[in-house]
Protein backbone atom coordinates (compact mmCIF):
# COMPACT_ATOMS: atom_id res chain seq x y z
CA MET A 1 -18.73 17.79 35.15
CA LYS A 2 -17.92 14.11 34.87
CA GLU A 3 -21.22 13.61 33.06
CA LYS A 4 -20.30 16.28 30.50
CA LEU A 5 -16.85 14.77 30.11
CA GLN A 6 -18.50 11.42 29.42
CA GLN A 7 -20.74 13.03 26.80
CA LEU A 8 -17.67 14.45 25.08
CA LYS A 9 -15.94 11.07 25.18
CA GLU A 10 -18.96 9.40 23.58
CA ILE A 11 -18.85 11.87 20.69
CA LEU A 12 -15.09 11.41 20.33
CA ALA A 13 -15.55 7.63 20.27
CA GLU A 14 -17.96 7.99 17.33
CA LEU A 15 -15.47 10.22 15.52
CA ALA A 16 -12.68 7.72 16.18
CA ASP A 17 -14.80 4.94 14.68
CA LEU A 18 -15.55 7.00 11.58
CA ASN A 19 -11.90 7.98 11.17
CA GLY A 20 -10.92 4.35 11.62
CA ALA A 21 -13.29 3.34 8.84
CA ALA A 22 -11.81 6.03 6.59
CA ALA A 23 -8.32 4.77 7.44
CA ILE A 24 -9.18 1.27 6.27
CA LEU A 25 -10.61 2.66 3.04
CA GLY A 26 -7.36 4.58 2.58
CA TRP A 27 -5.30 1.46 3.26
CA ASP A 28 -7.34 -0.51 0.72
CA GLN A 29 -6.94 2.30 -1.79
CA GLN A 30 -3.16 1.79 -1.80
CA THR A 31 -3.15 -2.00 -1.59
CA TYR A 32 -6.07 -3.88 -3.14
CA MET A 33 -8.56 -1.40 -4.59
CA PRO A 34 -9.08 -1.78 -8.36
CA PRO A 35 -7.77 1.34 -10.13
CA GLY A 36 -11.12 2.08 -11.71
CA ALA A 37 -12.64 2.68 -8.27
CA ALA A 38 -10.65 5.86 -7.54
CA GLU A 39 -13.55 8.26 -8.08
CA LEU A 40 -15.93 6.07 -6.09
CA ARG A 41 -13.43 5.87 -3.24
CA GLY A 42 -13.06 9.63 -3.32
CA ASN A 43 -16.83 9.98 -2.90
CA GLN A 44 -16.82 7.53 0.00
CA LEU A 45 -13.96 9.27 1.78
CA GLY A 46 -15.53 12.65 1.08
CA THR A 47 -18.82 11.56 2.65
CA LEU A 48 -17.05 10.19 5.73
CA GLY A 49 -14.97 13.36 5.93
CA ARG A 50 -18.09 15.52 5.86
CA ILE A 51 -19.79 13.46 8.60
CA VAL A 52 -16.68 13.64 10.80
CA HIS A 53 -16.37 17.37 10.20
CA ASP A 54 -20.04 18.06 10.94
CA LYS A 55 -20.04 15.96 14.11
CA GLY A 56 -16.68 17.26 15.29
CA THR A 57 -17.61 20.94 14.84
CA SER A 58 -21.18 20.71 16.12
CA PRO A 59 -22.45 23.34 18.57
CA GLU A 60 -22.83 20.52 21.11
CA VAL A 61 -19.08 19.85 21.05
CA GLY A 62 -18.30 23.56 21.32
CA LYS A 63 -20.64 23.95 24.32
CA LEU A 64 -19.20 20.90 26.08
CA LEU A 65 -15.66 22.17 25.60
CA GLU A 66 -16.48 25.61 26.97
CA GLU A 67 -18.10 24.04 30.03
CA LEU A 68 -15.23 21.60 30.54
CA LYS A 69 -12.31 24.03 30.21
CA PRO A 70 -12.61 25.43 33.77
CA TYR A 71 -12.96 21.89 35.12
CA ALA A 72 -9.90 20.70 33.19
CA ALA A 73 -7.90 23.68 34.49
CA GLY A 74 -8.30 22.27 37.99
CA LEU A 75 -6.94 18.85 37.09
CA ASP A 76 -3.36 17.66 36.93
CA PRO A 77 -2.31 19.29 33.63
CA ASP A 78 -0.70 16.03 32.47
CA SER A 79 -3.72 13.87 33.30
CA ASP A 80 -5.58 12.09 30.50
CA ASP A 81 -8.75 14.14 31.03
CA ALA A 82 -7.00 17.53 31.14
CA ARG A 83 -5.09 16.71 27.97
CA LEU A 84 -8.22 15.35 26.32
CA VAL A 85 -9.99 18.68 26.75
CA LYS A 86 -6.92 20.68 25.68
CA VAL A 87 -6.17 18.66 22.53
CA THR A 88 -9.85 18.36 21.55
CA ALA A 89 -10.32 22.10 21.95
CA LYS A 90 -7.41 22.80 19.59
CA ASP A 91 -8.72 20.25 17.07
CA TYR A 92 -12.19 21.79 17.31
CA GLU A 93 -11.01 25.37 16.85
CA LYS A 94 -8.95 24.42 13.78
CA ALA A 95 -11.69 22.31 12.23
CA LEU A 96 -14.24 25.08 12.76
CA ARG A 97 -12.24 27.28 10.39
CA VAL A 98 -12.41 24.78 7.52
CA PRO A 99 -15.66 24.52 5.51
CA ALA A 100 -17.09 21.03 5.09
CA ASP A 101 -17.12 21.49 1.30
CA HIS A 102 -13.35 21.87 1.37
CA ILE A 103 -12.98 18.59 3.28
CA VAL A 104 -15.13 16.76 0.73
CA LYS A 105 -13.37 18.25 -2.29
CA PHE A 106 -9.96 17.48 -0.82
CA ALA A 107 -10.91 13.81 -0.31
CA GLU A 108 -12.28 13.51 -3.83
CA VAL A 109 -9.31 15.23 -5.51
CA THR A 110 -6.63 13.29 -3.61
CA ALA A 111 -8.33 9.92 -4.18
CA VAL A 112 -8.10 10.44 -7.95
CA ALA A 113 -4.66 12.06 -7.69
CA GLN A 114 -3.18 9.00 -6.01
CA GLY A 115 -4.19 6.78 -8.92
CA ALA A 116 -2.76 9.31 -11.38
CA TRP A 117 0.50 9.40 -9.42
CA VAL A 118 0.83 5.60 -9.59
CA GLU A 119 0.38 5.68 -13.38
CA ALA A 120 2.69 8.68 -13.82
CA ARG A 121 5.40 7.04 -11.74
CA GLN A 122 5.12 3.76 -13.62
CA LYS A 123 5.45 5.61 -16.93
CA SER A 124 7.87 8.21 -15.58
CA ASP A 125 5.69 10.94 -17.05
CA PHE A 126 4.99 13.98 -14.86
CA SER A 127 2.43 15.34 -17.33
CA ILE A 128 -0.03 12.59 -16.26
CA PHE A 129 0.14 13.79 -12.65
CA LEU A 130 0.45 17.53 -13.38
CA PRO A 131 -3.26 18.55 -13.52
CA HIS A 132 -4.03 16.55 -10.38
CA LEU A 133 -1.14 18.05 -8.43
CA GLU A 134 -2.22 21.53 -9.51
CA LYS A 135 -5.61 20.86 -7.91
CA VAL A 136 -3.97 19.53 -4.75
CA VAL A 137 -1.72 22.59 -4.42
CA GLU A 138 -4.67 24.90 -5.08
CA LEU A 139 -6.58 23.19 -2.26
CA ARG A 140 -3.59 23.41 0.08
CA ARG A 141 -3.33 27.14 -0.60
CA GLU A 142 -7.05 27.49 0.01
CA TYR A 143 -6.63 25.68 3.33
CA VAL A 144 -3.88 28.13 4.31
CA SER A 145 -6.28 31.01 3.59
CA PHE A 146 -8.52 29.80 6.44
CA PHE A 147 -5.73 30.76 8.88
CA PRO A 148 -4.79 34.33 7.89
CA GLU A 149 -3.16 35.04 11.25
CA VAL A 150 -0.22 32.62 10.79
CA ASP A 151 3.29 34.04 10.63
CA HIS A 152 4.01 32.14 7.41
CA PRO A 153 1.65 30.35 4.98
CA TYR A 154 3.47 27.07 5.57
CA ASP A 155 2.75 27.27 9.32
CA ALA A 156 -0.89 26.37 8.77
CA ILE A 157 -0.15 23.02 7.16
CA LEU A 158 3.00 22.24 9.16
CA ASP A 159 0.96 22.40 12.37
CA ASP A 160 -1.30 19.61 11.08
CA PHE A 161 1.65 17.22 11.04
CA GLU A 162 3.85 18.78 13.70
CA PRO A 163 1.67 20.52 16.33
CA GLY A 164 3.24 23.65 17.76
CA MET A 165 6.10 23.83 15.25
CA LYS A 166 6.63 26.93 13.11
CA THR A 167 8.29 27.20 9.72
CA ALA A 168 10.89 29.49 11.29
CA ASP A 169 11.69 26.81 13.92
CA VAL A 170 12.26 24.14 11.28
CA LYS A 171 14.35 26.46 9.10
CA ALA A 172 16.53 27.38 12.08
CA ILE A 173 17.12 23.72 12.96
CA PHE A 174 17.93 22.84 9.36
CA ASP A 175 20.15 25.89 8.85
CA GLY A 176 22.24 24.79 11.83
CA LEU A 177 22.34 21.18 10.68
CA ARG A 178 23.04 21.59 6.96
CA PRO A 179 26.66 22.82 7.05
CA LYS A 180 27.64 20.10 9.54
CA GLN A 181 26.14 17.36 7.37
CA VAL A 182 27.73 18.83 4.22
CA GLU A 183 31.11 18.83 5.99
CA LEU A 184 30.67 15.18 7.02
CA ILE A 185 29.59 14.11 3.53
CA LYS A 186 32.58 15.93 2.03
CA ALA A 187 34.98 14.22 4.45
CA ILE A 188 33.51 10.80 3.60
CA SER A 189 33.74 11.48 -0.16
CA GLN A 190 37.49 11.93 0.16
CA LYS A 191 37.94 8.40 1.55
CA PRO A 192 38.00 5.11 -0.39
CA GLN A 193 34.43 3.99 -1.08
CA VAL A 194 33.06 0.85 0.54
CA ASP A 195 31.79 -1.98 -1.66
CA ASP A 196 28.06 -2.77 -1.64
CA GLY A 197 27.92 -4.64 -4.95
CA PHE A 198 26.89 -7.83 -3.16
CA LEU A 199 23.60 -6.15 -2.20
CA HIS A 200 22.78 -5.64 -5.88
CA GLN A 201 22.13 -9.15 -7.14
CA PRO A 202 19.13 -11.46 -7.42
CA PHE A 203 17.42 -12.18 -4.08
CA ASP A 204 14.35 -14.41 -4.06
CA GLU A 205 11.32 -12.21 -3.31
CA LYS A 206 9.50 -14.72 -1.10
CA LYS A 207 12.65 -15.34 0.96
CA GLN A 208 13.14 -11.59 1.35
CA TRP A 209 9.57 -11.22 2.54
CA ASP A 210 9.84 -14.08 5.02
CA PHE A 211 13.12 -12.79 6.45
CA GLY A 212 11.58 -9.35 6.97
CA VAL A 213 8.69 -10.98 8.81
CA GLU A 214 11.17 -12.83 11.05
CA ILE A 215 12.93 -9.59 11.95
CA ILE A 216 9.89 -7.51 12.82
CA THR A 217 8.36 -10.38 14.77
CA LYS A 218 11.52 -10.27 16.90
CA PHE A 219 11.13 -6.50 17.22
CA GLY A 220 7.70 -7.10 18.77
CA TYR A 221 5.20 -6.48 15.98
CA ASP A 222 1.86 -8.00 17.04
CA TRP A 223 0.42 -10.00 14.14
CA LYS A 224 -2.90 -10.36 15.98
CA SER A 225 -3.34 -6.62 15.58
CA GLY A 226 -1.64 -6.10 12.24
CA ARG A 227 -0.68 -7.44 8.84
CA GLN A 228 1.82 -6.72 6.07
CA ASP A 229 1.01 -6.17 2.39
CA LYS A 230 2.76 -4.79 -0.69
CA ALA A 231 2.38 -1.17 -1.82
CA PRO A 232 4.11 1.00 -4.46
CA HIS A 233 5.30 3.28 -1.65
CA PRO A 234 5.51 1.64 1.81
CA PHE A 235 3.25 3.12 4.49
CA THR A 236 1.63 2.27 7.81
CA GLN A 237 -2.08 2.76 8.44
CA GLY A 238 -3.81 2.45 11.76
CA ALA A 239 -7.53 2.25 12.40
CA GLY A 240 -6.94 2.14 16.14
CA ARG A 241 -4.59 0.62 18.70
CA THR A 242 -5.57 -2.96 17.86
CA ASP A 243 -5.45 -2.58 14.07
CA VAL A 244 -2.20 -1.14 12.72
CA ARG A 245 -1.21 -2.40 9.26
CA ILE A 246 2.09 -2.06 7.45
CA THR A 247 3.18 -2.37 3.85
CA THR A 248 6.53 -2.87 2.16
CA ARG A 249 7.99 -3.34 -1.29
CA VAL A 250 10.46 -5.90 -2.58
CA ASP A 251 13.18 -5.34 -5.18
CA PRO A 252 14.23 -8.72 -6.63
CA ASN A 253 17.73 -7.37 -7.32
CA PHE A 254 18.47 -5.21 -4.27
CA LEU A 255 18.14 -6.29 -0.65
CA ASN A 256 17.91 -2.91 1.09
CA PRO A 257 14.39 -1.71 0.12
CA MET A 258 12.56 -4.63 1.70
CA LEU A 259 14.97 -5.07 4.59
CA PHE A 260 15.07 -1.53 5.89
CA GLY A 261 11.66 -0.46 4.57
CA THR A 262 10.03 -3.26 6.56
CA MET A 263 11.91 -2.29 9.72
CA HIS A 264 10.95 1.36 9.16
CA GLU A 265 7.24 0.67 8.85
CA CYS A 266 7.39 -1.69 11.81
CA GLY A 267 8.72 1.21 13.89
CA HIS A 268 5.64 3.24 12.98
CA ALA A 269 3.38 0.30 13.79
CA LEU A 270 4.96 -0.37 17.18
CA TYR A 271 4.16 3.23 18.10
CA GLY A 272 0.56 2.94 16.94
CA LEU A 273 0.10 -0.35 18.80
CA GLY A 274 1.61 1.05 21.98
CA SER A 275 -0.61 3.91 23.11
CA ALA A 276 -2.28 3.40 26.47
CA PRO A 277 -5.57 1.45 26.26
CA ALA A 278 -7.23 4.25 28.26
CA LEU A 279 -6.75 6.50 25.22
CA ASP A 280 -8.63 4.20 22.83
CA ARG A 281 -11.37 5.94 20.82
CA THR A 282 -10.63 9.34 22.41
CA GLY A 283 -8.64 10.97 19.61
CA LEU A 284 -5.57 10.88 21.88
CA ASP A 285 -4.36 7.47 20.72
CA GLY A 286 -1.80 7.15 17.94
CA GLY A 287 1.19 9.48 17.93
CA ALA A 288 2.19 12.93 19.15
CA SER A 289 3.25 14.04 15.67
CA LEU A 290 4.69 12.77 12.44
CA ALA A 291 8.23 13.67 13.59
CA VAL A 292 7.82 11.63 16.76
CA HIS A 293 6.45 8.85 14.57
CA GLU A 294 9.51 9.15 12.33
CA SER A 295 11.78 9.06 15.38
CA GLN A 296 10.40 5.59 16.04
CA SER A 297 10.58 4.31 12.46
CA ARG A 298 14.04 5.72 11.83
CA MET A 299 15.26 4.35 15.17
CA TRP A 300 14.25 0.78 14.35
CA GLU A 301 15.43 1.11 10.74
CA ASN A 302 18.79 2.74 11.43
CA LEU A 303 19.94 2.90 15.03
CA VAL A 304 18.87 -0.70 15.53
CA GLY A 305 18.57 -2.10 11.99
CA ARG A 306 21.80 -0.72 10.53
CA SER A 307 23.87 -1.27 13.69
CA LEU A 308 26.72 -3.77 14.00
CA PRO A 309 25.20 -5.56 17.04
CA MET A 310 22.02 -6.18 15.03
CA TRP A 311 23.93 -8.04 12.32
CA GLU A 312 26.23 -9.82 14.73
CA CYS A 313 22.99 -11.51 15.71
CA PHE A 314 21.10 -11.83 12.42
CA TYR A 315 23.75 -12.02 9.70
CA PRO A 316 24.33 -15.79 10.05
CA ARG A 317 20.59 -16.29 9.56
CA LEU A 318 20.59 -13.97 6.51
CA GLN A 319 23.50 -15.95 5.03
CA GLU A 320 21.53 -19.14 5.61
CA VAL A 321 18.53 -17.69 3.74
CA PHE A 322 20.72 -16.27 0.95
CA PRO A 323 23.77 -18.49 0.40
CA GLN A 324 25.14 -15.96 -2.09
CA LEU A 325 26.23 -13.95 0.97
CA LYS A 326 28.23 -16.84 2.47
CA ASN A 327 31.54 -15.43 1.25
CA ILE A 328 30.76 -11.87 2.34
CA PRO A 329 32.23 -11.29 5.82
CA LEU A 330 30.16 -9.47 8.46
CA ASP A 331 32.37 -6.38 8.43
CA LYS A 332 31.95 -5.98 4.68
CA PHE A 333 28.18 -6.49 4.94
CA TYR A 334 27.91 -3.92 7.74
CA LYS A 335 29.88 -1.34 5.78
CA GLY A 336 27.89 -2.12 2.63
CA ILE A 337 24.49 -1.48 4.20
CA ASN A 338 25.87 1.81 5.55
CA LYS A 339 27.53 3.00 2.34
CA VAL A 340 27.40 6.78 1.89
CA GLN A 341 26.75 7.87 -1.66
CA PRO A 342 24.47 10.64 -2.96
CA SER A 343 21.54 8.97 -4.67
CA PHE A 344 18.26 9.77 -6.40
CA ILE A 345 15.80 7.96 -4.12
CA ARG A 346 15.03 9.34 -0.66
CA VAL A 347 13.75 6.11 0.90
CA GLU A 348 16.96 4.31 -0.08
CA ALA A 349 19.29 7.15 0.95
CA ASP A 350 22.02 6.53 3.51
CA GLU A 351 21.88 8.23 6.90
CA ALA A 352 24.53 10.85 6.07
CA THR A 353 22.75 12.18 2.95
CA TYR A 354 19.11 11.50 3.85
CA ASN A 355 18.37 14.86 5.46
CA MET A 356 19.52 16.65 2.31
CA HIS A 357 16.60 15.04 0.46
CA ILE A 358 14.27 16.43 3.11
CA MET A 359 15.67 19.95 3.05
CA LEU A 360 15.22 20.00 -0.73
CA ARG A 361 11.56 19.01 -0.43
CA LEU A 362 10.93 21.50 2.37
CA GLU A 363 12.25 24.37 0.24
CA ILE A 364 10.06 23.32 -2.69
CA GLU A 365 6.95 23.00 -0.52
CA ILE A 366 7.51 26.41 1.07
CA ALA A 367 7.92 27.94 -2.41
CA LEU A 368 4.66 26.27 -3.52
CA MET A 369 2.76 27.67 -0.55
CA GLU A 370 4.27 31.11 -1.08
CA GLY A 371 3.19 30.98 -4.73
CA LYS A 372 6.77 31.46 -5.91
CA VAL A 373 6.88 28.35 -8.08
CA ALA A 374 4.37 26.85 -10.52
CA VAL A 375 3.56 23.13 -10.37
CA LYS A 376 4.53 22.70 -14.05
CA ASP A 377 8.07 23.83 -13.19
CA LEU A 378 8.60 21.26 -10.44
CA PRO A 379 10.55 18.63 -12.46
CA ALA A 380 13.18 21.15 -13.55
CA LEU A 381 13.35 22.74 -10.10
CA TRP A 382 13.65 19.33 -8.46
CA ASN A 383 16.51 18.29 -10.72
CA ALA A 384 18.33 21.57 -10.18
CA LYS A 385 18.10 21.25 -6.41
CA MET A 386 19.21 17.60 -6.51
CA GLN A 387 22.31 18.73 -8.36
CA GLU A 388 22.88 21.60 -5.91
CA TYR A 389 22.29 19.55 -2.74
CA LEU A 390 23.60 16.11 -3.68
CA GLY A 391 25.57 16.52 -6.88
CA VAL A 392 23.33 14.17 -8.87
CA THR A 393 20.63 14.80 -11.48
CA PRO A 394 17.74 12.31 -11.76
CA PRO A 395 17.63 10.67 -15.19
CA ASN A 396 13.81 10.69 -15.29
CA ASP A 397 10.71 11.84 -13.39
CA ALA A 398 10.20 8.48 -11.63
CA LYS A 399 13.58 8.86 -9.92
CA GLY A 400 12.98 12.55 -9.42
CA VAL A 401 9.86 14.54 -8.72
CA LEU A 402 7.50 11.54 -8.88
CA GLN A 403 9.29 9.28 -6.40
CA ASP A 404 7.20 10.14 -3.31
CA ILE A 405 3.49 9.52 -2.84
CA HIS A 406 2.90 12.34 -0.35
CA TRP A 407 1.75 15.15 -2.64
CA SER A 408 -0.81 12.92 -4.34
CA GLY A 409 -2.46 12.42 -0.95
CA GLY A 410 -2.36 16.13 -0.18
CA MET A 411 0.37 15.68 2.44
CA VAL A 412 2.14 18.95 1.72
CA GLY A 413 3.81 19.88 5.01
CA TYR A 414 4.86 16.34 5.89
CA PHE A 415 8.45 16.07 4.65
CA SER A 416 10.28 18.06 7.34
CA THR A 417 9.04 15.54 9.90
CA TYR A 418 11.42 12.89 8.50
CA ALA A 419 14.52 14.93 9.30
CA LEU A 420 13.11 16.13 12.62
CA GLY A 421 12.43 12.49 13.42
CA ASN A 422 16.07 11.63 12.69
CA LEU A 423 17.18 14.23 15.21
CA MET A 424 14.71 13.04 17.83
CA SER A 425 15.74 9.41 17.33
CA ALA A 426 19.35 10.18 18.24
CA GLN A 427 18.29 12.26 21.27
CA LEU A 428 16.15 9.40 22.50
CA TRP A 429 18.87 6.85 21.70
CA GLU A 430 21.37 8.65 23.96
CA LYS A 431 18.84 8.68 26.80
CA ILE A 432 17.92 5.02 26.24
CA ASN A 433 21.56 3.93 26.31
CA GLN A 434 22.09 5.84 29.55
CA GLN A 435 19.18 4.01 31.14
CA ILE A 436 19.81 0.60 29.47
CA PRO A 437 23.63 0.51 29.43
CA ASN A 438 23.80 -3.08 28.15
CA LEU A 439 21.48 -2.39 25.21
CA PRO A 440 24.11 -3.28 22.56
CA ASP A 441 24.51 -6.70 24.20
CA GLN A 442 20.74 -7.18 24.19
CA VAL A 443 20.54 -6.32 20.47
CA ARG A 444 23.50 -8.63 19.84
CA ALA A 445 21.46 -11.40 21.47
CA GLY A 446 18.35 -10.58 19.40
CA LYS A 447 16.46 -9.35 22.46
CA PHE A 448 14.39 -6.18 22.02
CA GLU A 449 11.88 -6.47 24.87
CA GLU A 450 13.52 -3.95 27.18
CA LEU A 451 14.03 -1.42 24.37
CA LEU A 452 10.41 -1.73 23.30
CA GLY A 453 9.29 -1.52 26.93
CA TRP A 454 11.22 1.72 27.40
CA LEU A 455 9.66 3.21 24.28
CA ARG A 456 6.20 2.03 25.35
CA ALA A 457 6.52 3.70 28.75
CA ASN A 458 8.21 6.92 27.70
CA ILE A 459 6.83 7.60 24.20
CA HIS A 460 4.12 5.27 22.94
CA ALA A 461 1.79 5.24 25.96
CA HIS A 462 1.25 9.02 25.80
CA GLY A 463 -0.37 8.97 22.35
CA ARG A 464 -1.25 12.56 21.37
CA LYS A 465 -1.31 13.95 24.89
CA PHE A 466 1.80 16.09 24.41
CA GLU A 467 3.05 18.23 21.55
CA PRO A 468 6.35 16.99 20.08
CA GLN A 469 8.67 19.59 21.58
CA GLU A 470 6.96 19.13 24.94
CA LEU A 471 7.31 15.34 24.80
CA ILE A 472 10.96 15.34 23.76
CA GLN A 473 11.70 17.86 26.54
CA LYS A 474 10.00 15.65 29.13
CA VAL A 475 11.92 12.56 28.04
CA THR A 476 15.38 13.93 27.24
CA GLY A 477 15.52 17.24 29.10
CA SER A 478 15.83 19.39 25.98
CA ARG A 479 13.87 20.43 22.91
CA ILE A 480 14.76 19.09 19.46
CA ASP A 481 18.55 19.31 19.21
CA PRO A 482 20.69 18.34 16.19
CA ALA A 483 23.83 17.73 18.31
CA PRO A 484 23.12 14.10 19.33
CA TYR A 485 22.38 13.19 15.71
CA MET A 486 25.65 14.69 14.50
CA ARG A 487 27.52 12.89 17.30
CA TYR A 488 25.91 9.63 16.20
CA LEU A 489 26.67 10.15 12.48
CA THR A 490 30.23 11.33 13.07
CA LYS A 491 31.12 8.40 15.35
CA LYS A 492 29.52 5.82 13.08
CA TYR A 493 31.00 7.01 9.81
CA SER A 494 34.40 7.82 11.30
CA GLU A 495 34.64 4.12 12.18
CA ILE A 496 33.34 2.92 8.80
CA TYR A 497 35.37 5.30 6.60
CA GLY A 498 38.37 5.92 8.86
CA LEU A 499 37.82 9.68 9.15
């Protein structure tokens, strides 16, 4: 059986190489590709997608998996080889349901749609993006049709980002969380607002960039296996464990986007760089799910990056880089970067209101998949829900329905993972602080090695071996639970706002 397992691994290595090549094309598409090349890039990605699909669903792979399943059943169920067979079998069975023509068309449509989204966002004109998004949604609904047995249409696409999760599970988690967050936001709104005006002033772009590089180098980002570039919407793209690239954006008049966006993407990259070398080119490297990925990015962005110990260490250096902050005391800076105020832009939202942005998007995506809302009606629906959830109405499409890149890339089903990641981050943070009781002192000293080592051993090294609920249960002793996150938010904002 070891010979057959080796045959399977050789096929998976080829698929990993092809997917890695596609990942680099996707990275280039959002960073350096000339806009006129969108259709060409769609053809290239479509061709690669077809080759991967044909190789990955070949009768040879199916035969090997059937022969290996009894062998894998006799192994330690948590071993690399047992998990390899289990995860590959699930991937194979799902891929077998999707025609190659659909894969190609999806790649072609989304490649062009991403360029249209960039233009539409720049001009704040949804009509430019509308026909492309209609095609994307049509393809997502077609994809759902390949899985008629699912309990809910959204289940089929949610599972691609969050293996094992059901729409009903996410709704139940959010339904329990929403009233608690609304209560907290209401309590904060009744207190005097903190001042963050000092964050909204000119900050040299090059100095911002260089400071961000300093921070994530301290976090442990490996520049030999990565790089940072600019993108309209920050993202992380990995071609494999030794090539994980990040992007950020810089606002010349607002410090937060670069500062916390860079930390966020670094969190993703640290995860991608940290899977066990034994999982390289097996399809098990990378991350367990998008929510687990978000638990890492949100942890470094918020639980580390927006913490008081972090700035007790780095604020003097920030004041040195930007002398205009010299007269802003640390306490005021800390409160300013944690200001709670309903806002239009998700990626710049504070921790208390952020999940409301996600719940809004989840409801819209579910309605799209159920066929209850037309794409042309999205701007009005978006604005109405923003008013309902956050009490603000976007002044234009760029600050409303066009602000996120996800739909242009066909990533319908992704958004809930951000909020789930927030919840996981707090669960993990409680466990980490139990096992590293002097962690605040380490952060205060600018030392992150033990934190990163803990994450490497407990989360990163496992790659895709475990489904998200399974992984979080193994590490913390319970499935995804909103309680630690609410404890974290309540304690933090009670101190900042005097609740």
